[in-house]
Protein backbone atom coordinates (compact mmCIF):
# COMPACT_ATOMS: atom_id res chain seq x y z
CA UNK A 1 -26.38 -2.89 -8.14
CA UNK A 2 -25.52 -2.25 -11.66
CA UNK A 3 -22.07 -1.70 -10.55
CA UNK A 4 -21.65 -5.40 -8.55
CA UNK A 5 -19.58 -7.81 -10.03
CA UNK A 6 -21.50 -10.88 -11.71
CA UNK A 7 -20.26 -14.44 -12.77
CA UNK A 8 -20.93 -14.52 -16.81
CA UNK A 9 -19.09 -17.85 -17.10
CA UNK A 10 -18.93 -20.32 -14.31
CA UNK A 11 -16.90 -23.50 -13.22
CA UNK A 12 -20.38 -25.41 -13.68
CA UNK A 13 -20.81 -24.19 -17.33
CA UNK A 14 -17.48 -24.88 -18.79
CA UNK A 15 -16.31 -27.61 -16.79
CA UNK A 16 -14.12 -26.19 -14.22
CA UNK A 17 -12.12 -24.40 -17.31
CA UNK A 18 -12.35 -20.63 -16.44
CA UNK A 19 -14.46 -18.17 -14.08
CA UNK A 20 -15.59 -15.27 -15.68
CA UNK A 21 -16.78 -12.17 -13.85
CA UNK A 22 -18.38 -8.82 -15.40
CA UNK A 23 -17.43 -5.83 -13.24
CA UNK A 24 -17.83 -2.08 -13.46
CA UNK A 25 -14.85 0.09 -11.72
CA UNK A 26 -15.85 3.54 -11.39
CA UNK A 27 -13.46 6.51 -11.75
CA UNK A 28 -10.15 6.20 -9.15
CA UNK A 29 -11.22 2.53 -8.40
CA UNK A 30 -7.99 0.49 -6.97
CA UNK A 31 -7.38 -2.72 -5.81
CA UNK A 32 -4.50 -3.21 -3.13
CA UNK A 33 -1.27 -4.75 -4.33
CA UNK A 34 -1.67 -8.73 -4.18
CA UNK A 35 -1.35 -11.58 -5.60
CA UNK A 36 -3.04 -15.39 -6.11
CA UNK A 37 -1.99 -18.80 -5.58
CA UNK A 38 -5.04 -20.54 -7.11
CA UNK A 39 -5.36 -18.96 -10.90
CA UNK A 40 -4.20 -16.83 -12.98
CA UNK A 41 -6.06 -13.86 -14.11
CA UNK A 42 -6.42 -11.64 -17.32
CA UNK A 43 -8.58 -8.31 -17.96
CA UNK A 44 -10.73 -7.94 -20.96
CA UNK A 45 -11.38 -4.43 -21.04
CA UNK A 46 -15.03 -3.78 -23.17
CA UNK A 47 -15.31 0.09 -22.15
CA UNK A 48 -12.72 2.34 -21.05
CA UNK A 49 -9.02 2.15 -20.06
CA UNK A 50 -7.91 0.32 -16.93
CA UNK A 51 -4.16 0.74 -15.52
CA UNK A 52 -2.93 -2.94 -14.73
CA UNK A 53 0.35 -2.96 -12.60
CA UNK A 54 2.10 -6.40 -12.79
CA UNK A 55 5.29 -6.81 -10.89
CA UNK A 56 5.86 -2.91 -10.84
CA UNK A 57 5.30 -2.30 -14.36
CA UNK A 58 2.18 -0.16 -15.72
CA UNK A 59 0.27 -1.33 -18.56
CA UNK A 60 -2.81 0.54 -20.27
CA UNK A 61 -5.46 -1.84 -21.55
CA UNK A 62 -8.10 0.02 -23.52
CA UNK A 63 -11.58 -1.41 -24.85
CA UNK A 64 -11.02 -4.19 -26.93
CA UNK A 65 -8.16 -5.53 -25.50
CA UNK A 66 -6.98 -8.11 -23.06
CA UNK A 67 -4.18 -7.58 -20.35
CA UNK A 68 -1.03 -9.66 -20.02
CA UNK A 69 -2.01 -12.99 -18.31
CA UNK A 70 -1.00 -12.50 -14.64
CA UNK A 71 0.60 -15.63 -13.62
CA UNK A 72 -0.08 -17.55 -10.14
CA UNK A 73 2.01 -15.22 -7.57
CA UNK A 74 2.38 -12.21 -9.82
CA UNK A 75 1.98 -9.01 -7.47
CA UNK A 76 -0.45 -6.86 -9.32
CA UNK A 77 -3.38 -4.31 -9.14
CA UNK A 78 -5.36 -2.27 -11.13
CA UNK A 79 -6.58 1.09 -11.23
CA UNK A 80 -9.41 3.09 -13.26
CA UNK A 81 -7.15 6.64 -13.84
CA UNK A 82 -10.17 8.12 -16.14
CA UNK A 83 -12.86 10.18 -15.15
CA UNK A 84 -15.55 7.61 -16.85
CA UNK A 85 -16.65 3.86 -15.80
CA UNK A 86 -14.40 1.01 -16.70
CA UNK A 87 -16.20 -2.20 -17.78
CA UNK A 88 -13.94 -5.32 -17.96
CA UNK A 89 -14.36 -8.92 -17.72
CA UNK A 90 -12.42 -10.73 -15.23
CA UNK A 91 -11.07 -14.05 -16.80
CA UNK A 92 -9.55 -16.65 -14.06
CA UNK A 93 -7.99 -19.82 -15.24
CA UNK A 94 -8.48 -22.28 -14.02
CA UNK A 95 -11.75 -21.56 -12.72
CA UNK A 96 -12.62 -20.06 -8.85
CA UNK A 97 -15.47 -21.16 -6.86
CA UNK A 98 -14.59 -18.66 -3.95
CA UNK A 99 -14.52 -15.89 -6.88
CA UNK A 100 -17.79 -16.82 -8.25
CA UNK A 101 -19.27 -17.39 -4.45
CA UNK A 102 -18.05 -13.88 -3.48
CA UNK A 103 -19.63 -12.21 -6.64
CA UNK A 104 -22.68 -14.28 -5.80
CA UNK A 105 -22.83 -12.85 -2.16
CA UNK A 106 -22.34 -8.87 -2.97
CA UNK A 107 -25.39 -9.52 -5.05
CA UNK A 108 -27.46 -11.19 -2.47
CA UNK A 109 -26.47 -8.57 0.15
CA UNK A 110 -27.24 -5.72 -2.15
CA UNK A 111 -30.67 -7.22 -3.07
CA UNK A 112 -31.34 -7.34 0.71
CA UNK A 113 -29.98 -4.18 1.26
CA UNK A 114 -27.58 -5.42 3.61
CA UNK A 115 -24.30 -4.00 2.04
CA UNK A 116 -24.20 -1.62 5.02
CA UNK A 117 -23.18 -4.18 7.20
CA UNK A 118 -19.57 -4.10 6.14
CA UNK A 119 -19.17 -0.98 7.54
CA UNK A 120 -19.65 -2.42 11.00
CA UNK A 121 -17.37 -5.31 10.64
CA UNK A 122 -14.99 -4.00 7.46
CA UNK A 123 -11.72 -5.14 8.44
CA UNK A 124 -13.18 -8.81 9.50
CA UNK A 125 -15.41 -8.81 6.23
CA UNK A 126 -12.43 -8.12 4.21
CA UNK A 127 -10.29 -10.90 5.64
CA UNK A 128 -12.99 -13.19 5.11
CA UNK A 129 -13.33 -11.85 1.43
CA UNK A 130 -10.04 -11.95 0.44
CA UNK A 131 -9.31 -15.86 2.01
CA UNK A 132 -12.79 -16.85 0.00
CA UNK A 133 -11.35 -15.29 -3.29
CA UNK A 134 -7.61 -16.26 -2.84
CA UNK A 135 -6.46 -12.68 -2.67
CA UNK A 136 -3.11 -12.11 -0.60
CA UNK A 137 -2.07 -8.29 -0.15
CA UNK A 138 1.48 -7.49 0.17
CA UNK A 139 3.21 -4.33 1.25
CA UNK A 140 1.49 -1.95 3.92
CA UNK A 141 -1.98 -3.72 3.16
CA UNK A 142 -0.19 -7.33 3.58
CA UNK A 143 1.04 -6.27 6.88
CA UNK A 144 -2.10 -5.02 8.20
CA UNK A 145 -3.97 -8.00 6.74
CA UNK A 146 -1.32 -10.35 8.84
CA UNK A 147 -1.62 -8.19 11.96
CA UNK A 148 -5.68 -8.23 11.72
CA UNK A 149 -5.92 -12.04 11.15
CA UNK A 150 -3.70 -12.58 14.59
CA UNK A 151 -6.05 -10.09 16.18
CA UNK A 152 -9.35 -12.03 14.89
CA UNK A 153 -8.34 -15.40 15.07
CA UNK A 154 -8.70 -18.61 13.12
CA UNK A 155 -11.75 -19.17 15.30
CA UNK A 156 -13.25 -16.10 14.62
CA UNK A 157 -12.64 -15.45 11.08
CA UNK A 158 -13.65 -19.20 10.11
CA UNK A 159 -17.17 -18.98 11.80
CA UNK A 160 -17.58 -15.19 10.20
CA UNK A 161 -16.86 -16.58 6.90
CA UNK A 162 -19.25 -19.45 7.58
CA UNK A 163 -21.68 -17.04 8.32
CA UNK A 164 -21.17 -14.86 5.05
CA UNK A 165 -21.34 -18.45 2.55
CA UNK A 166 -24.74 -19.42 4.53
CA UNK A 167 -26.13 -16.29 2.79
CA UNK A 168 -25.16 -17.65 -0.97
């Protein structure tokens, strides 16, 4: 559970200014290319080195450094290209309740030893998780995401998302 994301500064604690999540990315961890429409994102590396790719430009962010701010609609990803864990603070401005709920949800499921449930409904879980966190995939991942949303349908996705949020 040490590698699960944890909210360390919440909307509630700072009047909605920002959300800050502490996360540990193991070697090879990588996000799909995506963007957000509800917040800007900055990575503060505390241990290791994270590679952030923003609008096609590769940026190395070392321990003690901040990444450039990723503005709303900037297509980006990140990857841990090293052989060691990278610890980061993910700073969202303005804060985002959905991301904070997602952190809590992952921790609750881990504590209840139910993280394995994702394997049974992985694609549906990812759609719901992306919707909760305002993550919009692009490229091939975006096409697959859009097709799966059509296959599952709004009603099923909404019901699944509601069932996840009841756990929080």
